[in-house]
Amino acid sequence: EQGEMVEAKFGLPQIAVRQLEIYTTAVLLATLRPPLPPRDENWRNLMEEISEISCQCYRNVVYENPEFLTYFAEATPEAELGFLNIGSRPARRKNTRGIGHLRAIPWVFAWTQTRFVLPAWLGVGAGLKGACEKGHREELKAMYKEWPFFQSTIDLIEMVLGKADTTIAKYYDEALVSEERQELGR
C-alpha cells in the first residue's frame, strides 16, 4: 500500500487486524489452492494475441494520435488534480505535458470523473473482435466457461463498462471539448 491507503487500512488497530486477516487469507488461498491453468495451452496463446491487438489499439489512440493529449486535457479535470491533496506523490513525474509523465492514479481518476473510464476498456473490443475474426469465437466461449482467469478478466471489464456512463461523458465532451476533437470521445 502507499500514500493515504496506509493510514486508511492500518491507522486503527481493529482495522489493521482485519486488513492483516484479509492479506493472510489471500496468501493461504493462493498457496494452498493455486489458480487452475487453462484446459488448453493454446488459450494462453490466444490471450497473448488478444493482448497484442488490444495494446496496439490503445497505443494508436493514446500515444500515436496527436490530438489525444489535447482531448484528454479538455475532456477531463486532469489539470486540476495537481491542486488536490489526495496522494503522496505529484500528479506528474516531470513538469511536462506528455501522457508518459502522468502517474497512473491521476490518469485513471481523471477518466473516472468524466464517467468515460477509458483506461479500463480501450482496446479490449478490438482484441476480442480480432480473435473472433480469426475464427476463435467458440474458443472464446469455452475459455469464458472453463478458465476462471479469463472469466474474471472479462467480468471485471464488463463491470467497469457497467460503471461507465456515456451520457455524462458526452456531456463533458459537448461542454468542454472543442468540436474538432469531440470525435475522439465517441
C-alpha atoms as a PDB file:
ATOM      1  CA  GLU A   1       0.000   0.000   0.000  1.00  0.00           C
ATOM      2  CA  GLN A   2       1.053   3.579  -0.465  1.00  0.00           C
ATOM      3  CA  GLY A   3       0.052   7.096   0.397  1.00  0.00           C
ATOM      4  CA  GLU A   4      -3.197   7.676   2.197  1.00  0.00           C
ATOM      5  CA  MET A   5      -4.145   3.985   1.916  1.00  0.00           C
ATOM      6  CA  VAL A   6      -1.616   3.080   4.629  1.00  0.00           C
ATOM      7  CA  GLU A   7      -3.475   5.321   7.062  1.00  0.00           C
ATOM      8  CA  ALA A   8      -6.888   4.126   5.865  1.00  0.00           C
ATOM      9  CA  LYS A   9      -6.053   0.422   6.154  1.00  0.00           C
ATOM     10  CA  PHE A  10      -3.716   0.404   9.141  1.00  0.00           C
ATOM     11  CA  GLY A  11      -4.490   3.607  11.082  1.00  0.00           C
ATOM     12  CA  LEU A  12      -6.715   1.970  13.687  1.00  0.00           C
ATOM     13  CA  PRO A  13      -5.801  -1.290  15.454  1.00  0.00           C
ATOM     14  CA  GLN A  14      -9.116  -3.019  14.688  1.00  0.00           C
ATOM     15  CA  ILE A  15      -8.942  -2.112  11.001  1.00  0.00           C
ATOM     16  CA  ALA A  16      -5.263  -3.107  10.809  1.00  0.00           C
ATOM     17  CA  VAL A  17      -6.026  -6.546  12.293  1.00  0.00           C
ATOM     18  CA  ARG A  18      -8.855  -7.044   9.797  1.00  0.00           C
ATOM     19  CA  GLN A  19      -6.594  -5.973   6.924  1.00  0.00           C
ATOM     20  CA  LEU A  20      -3.906  -8.441   8.020  1.00  0.00           C
ATOM     21  CA  GLU A  21      -6.569 -11.180   8.174  1.00  0.00           C
ATOM     22  CA  ILE A  22      -7.548 -10.378   4.584  1.00  0.00           C
ATOM     23  CA  TYR A  23      -3.918 -10.489   3.415  1.00  0.00           C
ATOM     24  CA  THR A  24      -3.213 -13.726   5.306  1.00  0.00           C
ATOM     25  CA  THR A  25      -6.312 -15.386   3.869  1.00  0.00           C
ATOM     26  CA  ALA A  26      -5.352 -14.353   0.343  1.00  0.00           C
ATOM     27  CA  VAL A  27      -1.814 -15.732   0.754  1.00  0.00           C
ATOM     28  CA  LEU A  28      -3.099 -19.015   2.189  1.00  0.00           C
ATOM     29  CA  LEU A  29      -5.664 -19.443  -0.585  1.00  0.00           C
ATOM     30  CA  ALA A  30      -3.109 -18.701  -3.286  1.00  0.00           C
ATOM     31  CA  THR A  31      -0.623 -21.120  -1.706  1.00  0.00           C
ATOM     32  CA  LEU A  32      -2.962 -23.989  -0.875  1.00  0.00           C
ATOM     33  CA  ARG A  33      -5.248 -23.653  -3.874  1.00  0.00           C
ATOM     34  CA  PRO A  34      -3.331 -22.022  -6.738  1.00  0.00           C
ATOM     35  CA  PRO A  35      -5.258 -20.855  -9.810  1.00  0.00           C
ATOM     36  CA  LEU A  36      -6.146 -23.514 -12.336  1.00  0.00           C
ATOM     37  CA  PRO A  37      -4.155 -23.461 -15.556  1.00  0.00           C
ATOM     38  CA  PRO A  38      -6.152 -23.223 -18.772  1.00  0.00           C
ATOM     39  CA  ARG A  39      -7.578 -26.534 -20.015  1.00  0.00           C
ATOM     40  CA  ASP A  40      -5.997 -25.935 -23.413  1.00  0.00           C
ATOM     41  CA  GLU A  41      -2.479 -24.486 -23.563  1.00  0.00           C
ATOM     42  CA  ASN A  42      -3.435 -22.683 -26.802  1.00  0.00           C
ATOM     43  CA  TRP A  43      -5.701 -20.465 -24.707  1.00  0.00           C
ATOM     44  CA  ARG A  44      -2.653 -18.644 -23.361  1.00  0.00           C
ATOM     45  CA  ASN A  45      -1.519 -18.011 -26.922  1.00  0.00           C
ATOM     46  CA  LEU A  46      -4.962 -16.664 -27.812  1.00  0.00           C
ATOM     47  CA  MET A  47      -4.869 -14.399 -24.742  1.00  0.00           C
ATOM     48  CA  GLU A  48      -1.489 -13.129 -25.949  1.00  0.00           C
ATOM     49  CA  GLU A  49      -2.945 -12.373 -29.399  1.00  0.00           C
ATOM     50  CA  ILE A  50      -5.896 -10.540 -27.843  1.00  0.00           C
ATOM     51  CA  SER A  51      -3.485  -8.622 -25.614  1.00  0.00           C
ATOM     52  CA  GLU A  52      -1.277  -7.568 -28.534  1.00  0.00           C
ATOM     53  CA  ILE A  53      -4.228  -6.314 -30.591  1.00  0.00           C
ATOM     54  CA  SER A  54      -5.721  -4.525 -27.560  1.00  0.00           C
ATOM     55  CA  CYS A  55      -2.420  -2.903 -26.674  1.00  0.00           C
ATOM     56  CA  GLN A  56      -1.840  -1.716 -30.239  1.00  0.00           C
ATOM     57  CA  CYS A  57      -5.334  -0.202 -30.397  1.00  0.00           C
ATOM     58  CA  TYR A  58      -4.767   1.558 -27.057  1.00  0.00           C
ATOM     59  CA  ARG A  59      -1.387   2.901 -28.177  1.00  0.00           C
ATOM     60  CA  ASN A  60      -2.798   4.081 -31.503  1.00  0.00           C
ATOM     61  CA  VAL A  61      -5.382   6.191 -29.704  1.00  0.00           C
ATOM     62  CA  VAL A  62      -3.478   7.366 -26.620  1.00  0.00           C
ATOM     63  CA  TYR A  63       0.118   7.722 -27.798  1.00  0.00           C
ATOM     64  CA  GLU A  64       0.039   7.986 -31.579  1.00  0.00           C
ATOM     65  CA  ASN A  65      -2.928  10.298 -32.150  1.00  0.00           C
ATOM     66  CA  PRO A  66      -1.507  13.838 -31.992  1.00  0.00           C
ATOM     67  CA  GLU A  67      -4.897  15.238 -30.910  1.00  0.00           C
ATOM     68  CA  PHE A  68      -5.398  12.876 -27.996  1.00  0.00           C
ATOM     69  CA  LEU A  69      -3.362  14.747 -25.385  1.00  0.00           C
ATOM     70  CA  THR A  70      -5.316  17.926 -26.099  1.00  0.00           C
ATOM     71  CA  TYR A  71      -8.573  15.967 -25.973  1.00  0.00           C
ATOM     72  CA  PHE A  72      -7.558  14.497 -22.597  1.00  0.00           C
ATOM     73  CA  ALA A  73      -6.749  17.972 -21.242  1.00  0.00           C
ATOM     74  CA  GLU A  74     -10.067  19.373 -22.476  1.00  0.00           C
ATOM     75  CA  ALA A  75     -12.332  16.455 -21.519  1.00  0.00           C
ATOM     76  CA  THR A  76     -11.042  15.690 -18.034  1.00  0.00           C
ATOM     77  CA  PRO A  77     -10.194  17.656 -14.868  1.00  0.00           C
ATOM     78  CA  GLU A  78      -6.602  16.395 -15.090  1.00  0.00           C
ATOM     79  CA  ALA A  79      -5.082  19.885 -14.795  1.00  0.00           C
ATOM     80  CA  GLU A  80      -6.899  20.471 -11.506  1.00  0.00           C
ATOM     81  CA  LEU A  81      -5.843  17.169  -9.944  1.00  0.00           C
ATOM     82  CA  GLY A  82      -2.393  18.519  -9.154  1.00  0.00           C
ATOM     83  CA  PHE A  83      -4.003  21.038  -6.791  1.00  0.00           C
ATOM     84  CA  LEU A  84      -5.781  18.363  -4.758  1.00  0.00           C
ATOM     85  CA  ASN A  85      -4.104  16.857  -1.725  1.00  0.00           C
ATOM     86  CA  ILE A  86      -5.138  13.276  -2.485  1.00  0.00           C
ATOM     87  CA  GLY A  87      -1.882  11.412  -2.778  1.00  0.00           C
ATOM     88  CA  SER A  88       1.653  11.183  -1.558  1.00  0.00           C
ATOM     89  CA  ARG A  89       3.142  11.970  -4.972  1.00  0.00           C
ATOM     90  CA  PRO A  90       2.681  14.731  -7.518  1.00  0.00           C
ATOM     91  CA  ALA A  91       0.226  14.016 -10.360  1.00  0.00           C
ATOM     92  CA  ARG A  92       3.086  14.040 -12.890  1.00  0.00           C
ATOM     93  CA  ARG A  93       6.596  12.642 -12.803  1.00  0.00           C
ATOM     94  CA  LYS A  94       8.000  15.758 -14.501  1.00  0.00           C
ATOM     95  CA  ASN A  95       6.573  19.180 -15.161  1.00  0.00           C
ATOM     96  CA  THR A  96       5.725  18.361 -18.792  1.00  0.00           C
ATOM     97  CA  ARG A  97       2.524  17.619 -20.673  1.00  0.00           C
ATOM     98  CA  GLY A  98       3.181  14.148 -22.118  1.00  0.00           C
ATOM     99  CA  ILE A  99       0.928  11.205 -21.270  1.00  0.00           C
ATOM    100  CA  GLY A 100       4.027   9.227 -20.286  1.00  0.00           C
ATOM    101  CA  HIS A 101       4.771  11.638 -17.440  1.00  0.00           C
ATOM    102  CA  LEU A 102       1.321  11.327 -15.886  1.00  0.00           C
ATOM    103  CA  ARG A 103       1.069   8.907 -12.976  1.00  0.00           C
ATOM    104  CA  ALA A 104      -1.411   6.040 -13.141  1.00  0.00           C
ATOM    105  CA  ILE A 105      -3.719   7.197 -10.337  1.00  0.00           C
ATOM    106  CA  PRO A 106      -4.383  10.703 -11.742  1.00  0.00           C
ATOM    107  CA  TRP A 107      -4.764   9.195 -15.235  1.00  0.00           C
ATOM    108  CA  VAL A 108      -7.490   6.805 -14.096  1.00  0.00           C
ATOM    109  CA  PHE A 109      -9.043   9.314 -11.678  1.00  0.00           C
ATOM    110  CA  ALA A 110      -9.378  11.942 -14.423  1.00  0.00           C
ATOM    111  CA  TRP A 111     -11.249   9.497 -16.676  1.00  0.00           C
ATOM    112  CA  THR A 112     -13.386   8.308 -13.782  1.00  0.00           C
ATOM    113  CA  GLN A 113     -14.562  11.876 -13.169  1.00  0.00           C
ATOM    114  CA  THR A 114     -15.947  12.042 -16.711  1.00  0.00           C
ATOM    115  CA  ARG A 115     -17.529   8.570 -16.331  1.00  0.00           C
ATOM    116  CA  PHE A 116     -15.785   7.513 -19.565  1.00  0.00           C
ATOM    117  CA  VAL A 117     -13.356   5.205 -17.664  1.00  0.00           C
ATOM    118  CA  LEU A 118     -11.324   4.900 -20.871  1.00  0.00           C
ATOM    119  CA  PRO A 119      -8.160   3.216 -19.462  1.00  0.00           C
ATOM    120  CA  ALA A 120     -10.162   0.190 -18.319  1.00  0.00           C
ATOM    121  CA  TRP A 121     -11.718  -0.783 -21.633  1.00  0.00           C
ATOM    122  CA  LEU A 122      -9.969   0.940 -24.554  1.00  0.00           C
ATOM    123  CA  GLY A 123      -8.622  -1.738 -26.894  1.00  0.00           C
ATOM    124  CA  VAL A 124     -10.430  -4.708 -25.359  1.00  0.00           C
ATOM    125  CA  GLY A 125     -13.146  -4.718 -28.006  1.00  0.00           C
ATOM    126  CA  ALA A 126     -10.554  -4.595 -30.778  1.00  0.00           C
ATOM    127  CA  GLY A 127      -8.717  -7.563 -29.254  1.00  0.00           C
ATOM    128  CA  LEU A 128     -11.850  -9.674 -28.897  1.00  0.00           C
ATOM    129  CA  LYS A 129     -13.074  -8.678 -32.362  1.00  0.00           C
ATOM    130  CA  GLY A 130      -9.698  -9.654 -33.828  1.00  0.00           C
ATOM    131  CA  ALA A 131      -9.919 -13.076 -32.173  1.00  0.00           C
ATOM    132  CA  CYS A 132     -13.467 -13.580 -33.483  1.00  0.00           C
ATOM    133  CA  GLU A 133     -12.450 -12.542 -36.993  1.00  0.00           C
ATOM    134  CA  LYS A 134      -9.719 -15.208 -36.898  1.00  0.00           C
ATOM    135  CA  GLY A 135     -12.355 -17.839 -36.122  1.00  0.00           C
ATOM    136  CA  HIS A 136     -11.895 -18.112 -32.349  1.00  0.00           C
ATOM    137  CA  ARG A 137     -15.459 -17.253 -31.267  1.00  0.00           C
ATOM    138  CA  GLU A 138     -16.253 -20.753 -29.953  1.00  0.00           C
ATOM    139  CA  GLU A 139     -12.861 -20.971 -28.300  1.00  0.00           C
ATOM    140  CA  LEU A 140     -13.534 -17.663 -26.504  1.00  0.00           C
ATOM    141  CA  LYS A 141     -16.855 -19.038 -25.262  1.00  0.00           C
ATOM    142  CA  ALA A 142     -15.107 -22.158 -23.934  1.00  0.00           C
ATOM    143  CA  MET A 143     -12.397 -20.042 -22.307  1.00  0.00           C
ATOM    144  CA  TYR A 144     -15.023 -17.959 -20.537  1.00  0.00           C
ATOM    145  CA  LYS A 145     -16.887 -21.037 -19.362  1.00  0.00           C
ATOM    146  CA  GLU A 146     -13.907 -23.158 -18.292  1.00  0.00           C
ATOM    147  CA  TRP A 147     -10.990 -20.852 -17.395  1.00  0.00           C
ATOM    148  CA  PRO A 148     -11.520 -18.765 -14.225  1.00  0.00           C
ATOM    149  CA  PHE A 149      -8.733 -16.338 -15.142  1.00  0.00           C
ATOM    150  CA  PHE A 150     -10.321 -15.431 -18.481  1.00  0.00           C
ATOM    151  CA  GLN A 151     -13.795 -15.315 -16.965  1.00  0.00           C
ATOM    152  CA  SER A 152     -12.749 -12.939 -14.185  1.00  0.00           C
ATOM    153  CA  THR A 153     -10.891 -10.739 -16.683  1.00  0.00           C
ATOM    154  CA  ILE A 154     -13.979 -10.410 -18.887  1.00  0.00           C
ATOM    155  CA  ASP A 155     -16.242  -9.966 -15.847  1.00  0.00           C
ATOM    156  CA  LEU A 156     -14.078  -7.127 -14.485  1.00  0.00           C
ATOM    157  CA  ILE A 157     -14.125  -5.353 -17.840  1.00  0.00           C
ATOM    158  CA  GLU A 158     -17.886  -5.828 -18.015  1.00  0.00           C
ATOM    159  CA  MET A 159     -18.238  -4.357 -14.511  1.00  0.00           C
ATOM    160  CA  VAL A 160     -16.228  -1.277 -15.490  1.00  0.00           C
ATOM    161  CA  LEU A 161     -18.291  -0.847 -18.647  1.00  0.00           C
ATOM    162  CA  GLY A 162     -21.382  -1.014 -16.451  1.00  0.00           C
ATOM    163  CA  LYS A 163     -19.997   1.864 -14.377  1.00  0.00           C
ATOM    164  CA  ALA A 164     -19.180   3.951 -17.436  1.00  0.00           C
ATOM    165  CA  ASP A 165     -21.862   6.467 -18.295  1.00  0.00           C
ATOM    166  CA  THR A 166     -21.694   7.627 -21.890  1.00  0.00           C
ATOM    167  CA  THR A 167     -24.404  10.237 -21.300  1.00  0.00           C
ATOM    168  CA  ILE A 168     -22.255  12.019 -18.708  1.00  0.00           C
ATOM    169  CA  ALA A 169     -19.098  11.548 -20.806  1.00  0.00           C
ATOM    170  CA  LYS A 170     -20.894  13.040 -23.809  1.00  0.00           C
ATOM    171  CA  TYR A 171     -21.983  15.996 -21.678  1.00  0.00           C
ATOM    172  CA  TYR A 172     -18.348  16.631 -20.678  1.00  0.00           C
ATOM    173  CA  ASP A 173     -17.324  16.461 -24.331  1.00  0.00           C
ATOM    174  CA  GLU A 174     -20.066  18.803 -25.518  1.00  0.00           C
ATOM    175  CA  ALA A 175     -19.400  21.295 -22.713  1.00  0.00           C
ATOM    176  CA  LEU A 176     -15.601  21.236 -22.672  1.00  0.00           C
ATOM    177  CA  VAL A 177     -14.068  19.711 -25.797  1.00  0.00           C
ATOM    178  CA  SER A 178     -13.570  21.677 -28.987  1.00  0.00           C
ATOM    179  CA  GLU A 179     -15.818  20.421 -31.766  1.00  0.00           C
ATOM    180  CA  GLU A 180     -12.985  19.121 -33.955  1.00  0.00           C
ATOM    181  CA  ARG A 181     -11.834  16.749 -31.171  1.00  0.00           C
ATOM    182  CA  GLN A 182     -15.217  15.502 -29.947  1.00  0.00           C
ATOM    183  CA  GLU A 183     -14.947  12.552 -32.346  1.00  0.00           C
ATOM    184  CA  LEU A 184     -12.262  11.110 -30.045  1.00  0.00           C
ATOM    185  CA  GLY A 185     -14.876  10.643 -27.328  1.00  0.00           C
ATOM    186  CA  ARG A 186     -17.284   8.692 -29.463  1.00  0.00           C
END
